[in-house]
């Protein structure tokens, strides 16, 4: 989400890699494609944790296409951003990780505020911790980084295997309905998030090994030229499509049919499918010499990724929760129909807002505040 992540082309300084902006925009809207089903569930995130609430083929298909894939893509793009900043520091002779650690401290603070004030499933806190770890790992050799990536991946698979075994055969939970999202006020939800921080922040902790793997993988793909329009870029993207769509997608489709494989379905195979998505989007963006209309709109969202990530969750909260319009409860009988409409409406708002904002300002509002905060300690020296 750091806008610096796209400021350098594969061939020179000062240019943005358009594909990275488009990927970031798609990843932001794609994560909403997963989270919107949580917002529209009257039980909120508790509904997802306690049982399978799917009620029709449309919901099953849409959730499958988004579940875990775009979050994995976003995680890899964070790794790309880290590598770009490390390379920039090396060219300028600056100490690394240096001020990058301050960036991660600010990102963690953003995550805390986002969690407390907006949603239970914030990813920024976990990204901040992962960024600190990986900022030191990228100082090692390519061989060492590959080993760290394999070790972290193995730890992640072990954790997912243990968690899958623990829940296998248990069936969905049948707890009492949760009314905090439909009847509770805004302050009530803040208090609920603070009281249940251990439960709601567990995902950010147990997915750190996966985050380390994907950060390092994103950095590795960037160094290999996977995002470049020419050179090795097209070849690498074709390989990613074969791996992700030809192998990962069918496997993930099979696991999605079993409720006992929830963790495999969300945290193991989706990163593989995300590589296929990355390759496919890269082919789409680079198939013509000029940027298309849709790609330009998605890139605008990508350049304001942090703003759009927070804004989409705020908009969804206002639409769905009881302290807002309360549509999650009012339209519960029409959830498979209105949920995609809600996603599309919020996505259009984000696209239009990003386009109009960038006609007057170079950065999104949160990106501008972020830039000021990042540079504040340096200005005071």
Protein backbone atom coordinates (compact mmCIF):
# COMPACT_ATOMS: atom_id res chain seq x y z
CA UNK A 1 0.00 0.00 0.00
CA UNK A 2 3.03 2.22 0.18
CA UNK A 3 2.88 4.35 -2.97
CA UNK A 4 6.67 4.30 -3.21
CA UNK A 5 6.37 0.67 -4.24
CA UNK A 6 5.56 1.50 -7.83
CA UNK A 7 7.90 4.37 -8.53
CA UNK A 8 10.58 2.61 -10.41
CA UNK A 9 10.38 0.83 -13.73
CA UNK A 10 12.41 -2.20 -14.63
CA UNK A 11 14.59 0.00 -16.83
CA UNK A 12 14.94 3.30 -15.11
CA UNK A 13 14.31 5.66 -12.24
CA UNK A 14 11.38 7.98 -11.73
CA UNK A 15 8.83 5.93 -13.66
CA UNK A 16 6.03 3.91 -12.16
CA UNK A 17 5.52 0.28 -12.96
CA UNK A 18 1.94 0.47 -14.18
CA UNK A 19 1.36 -3.24 -13.66
CA UNK A 20 2.14 -2.88 -9.94
CA UNK A 21 -0.43 -0.10 -9.60
CA UNK A 22 -3.06 -2.20 -11.40
CA UNK A 23 -2.26 -5.27 -9.31
CA UNK A 24 -2.47 -3.25 -6.13
CA UNK A 25 -5.83 -1.80 -7.15
CA UNK A 26 -7.22 -5.23 -8.01
CA UNK A 27 -5.88 -6.68 -4.75
CA UNK A 28 -7.59 -3.95 -2.72
CA UNK A 29 -10.95 -4.45 -4.43
CA UNK A 30 -10.45 -8.22 -4.31
CA UNK A 31 -9.96 -8.27 -0.54
CA UNK A 32 -13.27 -6.43 -0.28
CA UNK A 33 -14.73 -9.24 -2.40
CA UNK A 34 -13.93 -11.58 0.50
CA UNK A 35 -14.70 -9.22 3.38
CA UNK A 36 -18.03 -8.02 2.01
CA UNK A 37 -19.56 -11.40 2.90
CA UNK A 38 -18.48 -10.84 6.50
CA UNK A 39 -20.01 -7.37 6.56
CA UNK A 40 -23.34 -8.59 5.20
CA UNK A 41 -23.59 -11.46 7.68
CA UNK A 42 -25.79 -10.33 10.61
CA UNK A 43 -23.37 -12.20 12.89
CA UNK A 44 -20.38 -10.41 11.37
CA UNK A 45 -17.04 -12.14 11.60
CA UNK A 46 -18.44 -14.47 14.26
CA UNK A 47 -20.67 -15.94 11.56
CA UNK A 48 -17.60 -16.86 9.52
CA UNK A 49 -15.76 -18.31 12.54
CA UNK A 50 -18.61 -20.45 13.83
CA UNK A 51 -19.94 -22.05 10.69
CA UNK A 52 -20.50 -22.08 6.96
CA UNK A 53 -23.18 -19.52 6.16
CA UNK A 54 -23.22 -19.99 2.38
CA UNK A 55 -26.73 -20.29 1.04
CA UNK A 56 -26.50 -20.56 -2.72
CA UNK A 57 -24.29 -21.34 -5.72
CA UNK A 58 -23.66 -17.66 -6.52
CA UNK A 59 -22.24 -17.05 -3.06
CA UNK A 60 -20.15 -20.22 -3.19
CA UNK A 61 -18.57 -19.30 -6.54
CA UNK A 62 -17.90 -15.64 -5.71
CA UNK A 63 -16.41 -16.42 -2.33
CA UNK A 64 -14.21 -19.12 -3.83
CA UNK A 65 -12.83 -16.78 -6.50
CA UNK A 66 -11.81 -14.20 -3.89
CA UNK A 67 -11.16 -16.13 -0.68
CA UNK A 68 -7.51 -15.71 0.29
CA UNK A 69 -6.32 -15.06 -3.27
CA UNK A 70 -6.26 -11.27 -3.30
CA UNK A 71 -4.97 -11.08 0.26
CA UNK A 72 -2.05 -13.27 -0.83
CA UNK A 73 -1.51 -11.02 -3.84
CA UNK A 74 -1.52 -7.94 -1.63
CA UNK A 75 1.01 -9.61 0.68
CA UNK A 76 3.35 -10.33 -2.23
CA UNK A 77 3.03 -6.74 -3.39
CA UNK A 78 4.15 -5.57 0.05
CA UNK A 79 7.26 -7.68 -0.49
CA UNK A 80 7.76 -6.00 -3.87
CA UNK A 81 7.50 -2.59 -2.20
CA UNK A 82 10.03 -3.59 0.44
CA UNK A 83 12.49 -4.75 -2.22
CA UNK A 84 12.10 -1.54 -4.22
CA UNK A 85 12.82 0.54 -1.15
CA UNK A 86 15.81 -1.62 -0.18
CA UNK A 87 17.27 -1.30 -3.68
CA UNK A 88 16.69 2.46 -3.61
CA UNK A 89 18.50 2.74 -0.27
CA UNK A 90 21.41 0.70 -1.64
CA UNK A 91 21.75 2.96 -4.71
CA UNK A 92 21.78 6.05 -2.53
CA UNK A 93 24.25 4.60 -0.08
CA UNK A 94 21.77 4.76 2.79
CA UNK A 95 21.73 2.37 5.72
CA UNK A 96 19.14 -0.39 5.54
CA UNK A 97 16.65 -1.03 7.08
CA UNK A 98 17.17 2.42 8.62
CA UNK A 99 14.07 4.56 8.22
CA UNK A 100 12.10 1.60 6.87
CA UNK A 101 11.64 0.48 10.47
CA UNK A 102 9.98 3.81 11.22
CA UNK A 103 7.64 3.15 8.30
CA UNK A 104 6.70 -0.19 9.80
CA UNK A 105 6.11 1.40 13.20
CA UNK A 106 3.68 3.83 11.57
CA UNK A 107 2.05 1.00 9.65
CA UNK A 108 1.54 -0.88 12.91
CA UNK A 109 -0.04 2.21 14.46
CA UNK A 110 -2.31 2.53 11.41
CA UNK A 111 -3.30 -1.08 11.91
CA UNK A 112 -4.09 -0.58 15.59
CA UNK A 113 -6.33 2.38 14.80
CA UNK A 114 -7.96 0.53 11.90
CA UNK A 115 -8.64 -2.48 14.10
CA UNK A 116 -10.02 -0.55 17.05
CA UNK A 117 -12.06 2.00 15.10
CA UNK A 118 -13.17 0.09 11.98
CA UNK A 119 -12.86 -3.71 11.56
CA UNK A 120 -11.72 -6.88 13.31
CA UNK A 121 -9.83 -8.28 10.32
CA UNK A 122 -7.18 -5.60 9.77
CA UNK A 123 -4.03 -6.84 7.99
CA UNK A 124 -1.76 -3.84 8.55
CA UNK A 125 -0.52 -4.89 11.98
CA UNK A 126 0.61 -8.27 10.69
CA UNK A 127 2.24 -6.69 7.65
CA UNK A 128 4.18 -4.30 9.89
CA UNK A 129 5.63 -7.13 11.98
CA UNK A 130 6.39 -9.17 8.89
CA UNK A 131 8.01 -6.16 7.22
CA UNK A 132 10.42 -5.74 10.13
CA UNK A 133 11.45 -9.40 9.97
CA UNK A 134 11.87 -9.46 6.19
CA UNK A 135 13.73 -6.12 6.13
CA UNK A 136 16.65 -7.97 7.74
CA UNK A 137 16.24 -11.18 5.75
CA UNK A 138 16.67 -9.33 2.44
CA UNK A 139 20.17 -8.36 3.57
CA UNK A 140 21.21 -11.99 3.26
CA UNK A 141 22.29 -13.77 0.08
CA UNK A 142 19.85 -15.03 -2.54
CA UNK A 143 20.55 -18.57 -1.38
CA UNK A 144 19.89 -17.69 2.25
CA UNK A 145 16.66 -15.89 1.34
CA UNK A 146 15.49 -18.95 -0.55
CA UNK A 147 16.18 -21.07 2.52
CA UNK A 148 14.32 -18.66 4.81
CA UNK A 149 11.41 -18.70 2.40
CA UNK A 150 11.30 -22.50 2.44
CA UNK A 151 11.62 -22.66 6.23
CA UNK A 152 8.85 -20.11 6.77
CA UNK A 153 6.67 -21.93 4.22
CA UNK A 154 7.27 -25.25 5.98
CA UNK A 155 6.33 -23.73 9.36
CA UNK A 156 3.17 -22.33 7.81
CA UNK A 157 2.20 -25.69 6.32
CA UNK A 158 2.83 -27.38 9.66
CA UNK A 159 0.60 -24.87 11.46
CA UNK A 160 -2.15 -25.26 8.88
CA UNK A 161 -1.91 -29.04 9.11
CA UNK A 162 -2.23 -28.97 12.89
CA UNK A 163 -5.17 -26.57 12.77
CA UNK A 164 -6.89 -28.63 10.06
CA UNK A 165 -6.49 -31.78 12.14
CA UNK A 166 -7.87 -29.99 15.20
CA UNK A 167 -11.08 -28.94 13.47
CA UNK A 168 -11.52 -31.99 11.20
CA UNK A 169 -14.86 -33.62 11.80
CA UNK A 170 -15.88 -31.07 14.42
CA UNK A 171 -18.49 -29.48 12.14
CA UNK A 172 -19.60 -25.86 12.22
CA UNK A 173 -20.18 -24.17 15.54
CA UNK A 174 -23.72 -23.50 16.69
CA UNK A 175 -23.24 -20.68 19.14
CA UNK A 176 -25.86 -18.13 20.08
CA UNK A 177 -26.53 -15.40 17.50
CA UNK A 178 -24.34 -12.32 17.84
CA UNK A 179 -26.32 -9.10 17.94
CA UNK A 180 -23.49 -6.61 18.39
CA UNK A 181 -23.35 -5.93 14.64
CA UNK A 182 -27.08 -5.42 14.19
CA UNK A 183 -28.18 -3.91 17.50
CA UNK A 184 -24.98 -2.55 19.03
CA UNK A 185 -23.81 1.02 18.64
CA UNK A 186 -20.49 2.16 17.26
CA UNK A 187 -18.90 2.45 20.70
CA UNK A 188 -20.25 -0.98 21.62
CA UNK A 189 -18.40 -2.48 18.66
CA UNK A 190 -15.17 -0.74 19.66
CA UNK A 191 -15.50 -2.21 23.14
CA UNK A 192 -16.26 -5.64 21.65
CA UNK A 193 -13.11 -5.53 19.51
CA UNK A 194 -11.00 -4.56 22.51
CA UNK A 195 -12.49 -7.34 24.64
CA UNK A 196 -12.02 -9.96 21.91
CA UNK A 197 -8.59 -8.81 20.71
CA UNK A 198 -7.03 -12.20 21.46
CA UNK A 199 -9.51 -13.98 19.20
CA UNK A 200 -9.62 -11.43 16.41
CA UNK A 201 -5.84 -10.88 16.26
CA UNK A 202 -5.00 -14.59 16.20
CA UNK A 203 -5.05 -14.68 12.38
CA UNK A 204 -2.49 -11.87 12.15
CA UNK A 205 -0.16 -13.90 14.39
CA UNK A 206 -0.43 -17.41 12.95
CA UNK A 207 -0.12 -16.14 9.36
CA UNK A 208 3.24 -14.40 9.98
CA UNK A 209 5.20 -17.38 8.55
CA UNK A 210 3.03 -17.18 5.42
CA UNK A 211 3.63 -13.43 5.30
CA UNK A 212 7.40 -13.94 5.46
CA UNK A 213 7.20 -16.45 2.61
CA UNK A 214 5.09 -14.19 0.41
CA UNK A 215 7.11 -11.05 1.17
CA UNK A 216 10.29 -12.85 0.12
CA UNK A 217 8.54 -14.36 -2.91
CA UNK A 218 7.30 -10.93 -4.02
CA UNK A 219 10.80 -9.49 -3.70
CA UNK A 220 12.19 -12.42 -5.64
CA UNK A 221 9.66 -12.03 -8.45
CA UNK A 222 10.49 -8.35 -8.72
CA UNK A 223 14.23 -8.99 -8.97
CA UNK A 224 13.55 -11.66 -11.60
CA UNK A 225 11.67 -9.15 -13.78
CA UNK A 226 8.19 -10.70 -13.48
CA UNK A 227 6.52 -7.27 -13.61
CA UNK A 228 8.45 -5.92 -16.60
CA UNK A 229 6.71 -5.46 -19.95
CA UNK A 230 9.57 -7.09 -21.84
CA UNK A 231 12.63 -9.18 -21.12
CA UNK A 232 11.85 -12.16 -18.92
CA UNK A 233 8.52 -10.67 -17.83
CA UNK A 234 6.20 -12.37 -20.37
CA UNK A 235 7.88 -15.77 -19.91
CA UNK A 236 7.68 -15.60 -16.12
CA UNK A 237 4.04 -14.54 -16.21
CA UNK A 238 3.14 -17.46 -18.48
CA UNK A 239 4.80 -19.81 -16.01
CA UNK A 240 2.87 -18.23 -13.16
CA UNK A 241 -0.39 -18.74 -15.04
CA UNK A 242 0.39 -22.41 -15.61
CA UNK A 243 1.35 -22.91 -11.98
CA UNK A 244 -1.47 -20.92 -10.42
CA UNK A 245 -4.37 -21.49 -12.81
CA UNK A 246 -3.41 -24.84 -14.25
CA UNK A 247 -2.42 -26.53 -10.96
CA UNK A 248 -3.41 -24.35 -8.00
CA UNK A 249 -6.91 -23.44 -9.18
CA UNK A 250 -8.23 -27.03 -9.64
CA UNK A 251 -6.71 -28.10 -6.31
CA UNK A 252 -8.25 -25.13 -4.53
CA UNK A 253 -11.58 -25.83 -6.16
CA UNK A 254 -11.48 -29.36 -4.78
CA UNK A 255 -10.63 -28.25 -1.23
CA UNK A 256 -13.36 -25.60 -1.26
CA UNK A 257 -15.97 -28.38 -1.35
CA UNK A 258 -14.93 -29.67 2.08
CA UNK A 259 -15.68 -27.74 5.25
CA UNK A 260 -12.95 -29.72 7.08
CA UNK A 261 -10.30 -28.15 4.84
CA UNK A 262 -11.07 -24.54 5.73
CA UNK A 263 -7.46 -23.63 6.53
CA UNK A 264 -6.11 -25.30 3.39
CA UNK A 265 -8.82 -23.59 1.36
CA UNK A 266 -7.98 -20.13 2.71
CA UNK A 267 -4.31 -20.14 3.67
CA UNK A 268 -2.48 -22.85 1.70
CA UNK A 269 -3.70 -23.03 -1.90
CA UNK A 270 -4.90 -19.41 -2.45
CA UNK A 271 -1.31 -18.03 -2.59
CA UNK A 272 -0.64 -20.50 -5.40
CA UNK A 273 -3.77 -19.36 -7.24
CA UNK A 274 -2.76 -15.73 -6.60
CA UNK A 275 0.37 -16.34 -8.66
CA UNK A 276 -1.87 -17.39 -11.53
CA UNK A 277 -3.98 -14.26 -11.09
CA UNK A 278 -0.80 -12.18 -11.10
CA UNK A 279 0.35 -13.75 -14.36
CA UNK A 280 -3.08 -13.37 -15.97
CA UNK A 281 -3.40 -9.72 -14.96
CA UNK A 282 0.11 -9.05 -16.21
CA UNK A 283 -0.76 -10.57 -19.58
CA UNK A 284 -3.93 -8.44 -19.72
CA UNK A 285 -2.15 -5.19 -18.87
CA UNK A 286 0.75 -5.73 -21.27
CA UNK A 287 -1.17 -7.23 -24.19
CA UNK A 288 -1.47 -3.81 -25.83
CA UNK A 289 1.08 -0.96 -26.06
CA UNK A 290 -1.29 1.62 -24.54
CA UNK A 291 -2.99 1.41 -21.18
CA UNK A 292 -6.70 0.62 -21.40
CA UNK A 293 -9.50 2.54 -19.69
CA UNK A 294 -10.22 -0.10 -17.06
CA UNK A 295 -6.55 -0.65 -16.26
CA UNK A 296 -6.12 3.10 -15.77
CA UNK A 297 -9.04 3.21 -13.31
CA UNK A 298 -7.69 0.24 -11.36
CA UNK A 299 -4.23 1.81 -11.30
CA UNK A 300 -5.74 4.95 -9.76
CA UNK A 301 -7.08 2.83 -6.90
CA UNK A 302 -3.67 1.17 -6.58
CA UNK A 303 -1.94 4.53 -6.19
CA UNK A 304 -4.26 5.27 -3.26
CA UNK A 305 -4.22 1.74 -1.86
CA UNK A 306 -4.01 2.62 1.83
CA UNK A 307 -6.78 5.20 1.56
CA UNK A 308 -9.02 2.84 -0.42
CA UNK A 309 -8.36 -0.10 1.89
CA UNK A 310 -9.54 1.84 4.92
CA UNK A 311 -12.31 3.66 3.09
CA UNK A 312 -13.87 0.48 1.70
CA UNK A 313 -14.15 -0.97 5.20
CA UNK A 314 -15.66 2.25 6.55
CA UNK A 315 -18.23 2.35 3.74
CA UNK A 316 -19.14 -1.31 4.21
CA UNK A 317 -19.53 -0.75 7.97
CA UNK A 318 -21.87 2.19 7.41
CA UNK A 319 -23.97 0.17 4.97
CA UNK A 320 -24.21 -3.03 6.98
CA UNK A 321 -23.96 -2.39 10.70
CA UNK A 322 -26.81 -1.39 12.99
CA UNK A 323 -25.31 1.99 13.87
CA UNK A 324 -25.35 2.80 10.12
CA UNK A 325 -27.98 1.80 7.58
CA UNK A 326 -28.33 -1.68 9.08
CA UNK A 327 -28.67 -3.47 5.74
CA UNK A 328 -27.10 -6.72 6.99
CA UNK A 329 -30.16 -7.36 9.15
CA UNK A 330 -32.72 -5.70 6.86
CA UNK A 331 -31.68 -7.69 3.78
CA UNK A 332 -30.62 -10.95 5.40
CA UNK A 333 -33.11 -12.94 3.29
CA UNK A 334 -31.58 -11.48 0.11
CA UNK A 335 -27.93 -11.76 1.13
CA UNK A 336 -26.65 -13.75 -1.90
CA UNK A 337 -28.22 -11.14 -4.21
CA UNK A 338 -27.43 -7.84 -2.55
CA UNK A 339 -23.91 -8.67 -1.32
CA UNK A 340 -22.33 -8.58 -4.82
CA UNK A 341 -24.30 -5.39 -5.50
CA UNK A 342 -22.88 -3.85 -2.32
CA UNK A 343 -19.36 -4.84 -3.40
CA UNK A 344 -19.86 -3.36 -6.86
CA UNK A 345 -21.29 -0.13 -5.45
CA UNK A 346 -18.39 0.36 -3.05
CA UNK A 347 -15.89 -0.52 -5.78
CA UNK A 348 -17.39 2.09 -8.11
CA UNK A 349 -17.24 4.71 -5.35
CA UNK A 350 -13.56 3.93 -4.75
CA UNK A 351 -12.71 4.08 -8.46
CA UNK A 352 -14.53 7.39 -8.97
CA UNK A 353 -13.12 8.89 -5.78
CA UNK A 354 -9.56 7.86 -6.68
CA UNK A 355 -9.88 9.29 -10.18
CA UNK A 356 -11.32 12.63 -9.05
CA UNK A 357 -8.90 13.01 -6.15
CA UNK A 358 -5.83 12.42 -8.31
CA UNK A 359 -6.93 15.09 -10.77
CA UNK A 360 -6.06 17.65 -8.08
CA UNK A 361 -3.65 15.89 -5.74
CA UNK A 362 -0.62 13.72 -6.32
CA UNK A 363 -1.31 11.41 -3.38
CA UNK A 364 -4.35 10.08 -1.57
CA UNK A 365 -5.28 11.74 1.73
CA UNK A 366 -3.95 8.96 3.95
CA UNK A 367 -0.89 8.56 1.73
CA UNK A 368 -0.15 12.28 2.12
CA UNK A 369 -0.55 12.07 5.90
CA UNK A 370 1.64 8.96 5.86
CA UNK A 371 4.35 10.75 3.88
CA UNK A 372 4.32 13.66 6.32
CA UNK A 373 4.60 11.31 9.31
CA UNK A 374 7.41 9.30 7.70
CA UNK A 375 9.45 12.43 7.06
CA UNK A 376 8.66 14.17 10.37
CA UNK A 377 11.63 12.74 12.35
CA UNK A 378 14.02 13.57 9.50
CA UNK A 379 12.81 17.16 9.34
CA UNK A 380 13.42 17.63 13.07
CA UNK A 381 17.06 16.55 12.87
